Amino acid sequence: MSDYASTTLKELTLNELVPENAMRMRRLRSTPNLRAMVQETHLHVEKLIYPFFVIEGKGQRKPISSMPGIFQQSIDEVLKEVEQAQNEGIKSVLLFGIPETKDAEGSGAWRTDGIVQKAIREIKKNFPDMVVVADLCLCEYTDHGHCGLIADGKVLNDPTLQLIARTAVAQAEAGADIIAPSDMMDLRVHVIRKALDANGFQHIPIMAYSAKFSSALYGPFRIAAESAPKFGDRKSYQMDPANGREALREIEQDIIEGADIVMVKPALSYLDIIAKARQLTDLPIAAYNVSGEYSMVKAAAANGWIDERRVVLETLTGIARAGADLIITYHARDVANWLKQ
């Protein structure tokens, strides 16, 4: 027998081991109904925003290879899915447009017959209670893939603001319920607010992509929206992922300029920013559960490595727990059905 095995150990009684009046956290975890009673964070389907990629044509429903279950769709197909989503409890959708032709100014973004404007009119005509959020950016519409006008290889801030203002008014005229600028040009919330107010749209709220980081997680989206930049990158206008204090300054500035809702994008790598934003403002906070986050879950689930339902619900609950009031997610329809079960 070894020296260790022969060592005499003093055995403590349970009374000696357990402190008197100990807090027993498991008391409220013992049954499903008890756990439900004390659950702190709840996912609500009406807080989810479901994105669409809208293309020209009829009867078009093209699978997006990088985003299983998500499609580029013509307006008639979009209407079918909006109806299904509404029946499942989805209350709001977010529209991205992919025009047939692109140019240096991204004119398809603000034309009255632009793809998003046409989609807005049809959705509101057929589903007047559906909240339609119009993403406002030029990158899907420019032939260079950047979010603003280009000169000498640089994205111009102030001249781009005029086009952004024009786009906001066109989207509002088409019937958008919320304008959501995602371009990250300085002062764009101020310019959009002035343009909307001057054209009789004082009632239209702005959901600003306030803290939008230059993330590697946008790759699947850029395939879906056909919006990858043809040269360079977007680091001169999207935020450095290392900067948290700067994100809060961006949020503060958008609030000063008139944002009604502020957003953090992406969500999962920036839960700390969502939590700090929650402390900073009482405005509604949106978080974008972006394409890369969606696609990683889908890939792992397809390989049998994770339980997709549990992972998605845990992920979105974490985003809500951090402080997000609204969550933009490609999982929205699945979640709407899971929450009914």
Foldseek 3Di string as FASTA:
>chain_A
DDPVVPDDDDDDDPPVVDDPPDDDPCVQVPDPVSCVVPDDFDDDLQQEEAEAEEEDDPPDWAAQPLFPPHTHYHLVVVLVVVVVLVVLPYQEYEYDYAYPAAAQALVLLQDLPRRLLVSLLVCCVVPVRRQYEYEQFRLNRHPQLARAHDDPRDHDQPVRLVVSLSNLCSNVVSPHQEYEYDRQRPLNLLSNCVSCVVVPNNVRAYEYQQQFAQDPLQVSVCSRSVRAGNDDGHPVRHDHLVDQVVSVVSVVRSVVSGHQEYEYPAQPSVLVSLLVVQVVDPHAYEHEVHSSNNSVLVVCVVVVNDDSVVVVVVRVSSSVVSPHSHYYDNCSSVVSVVVVD
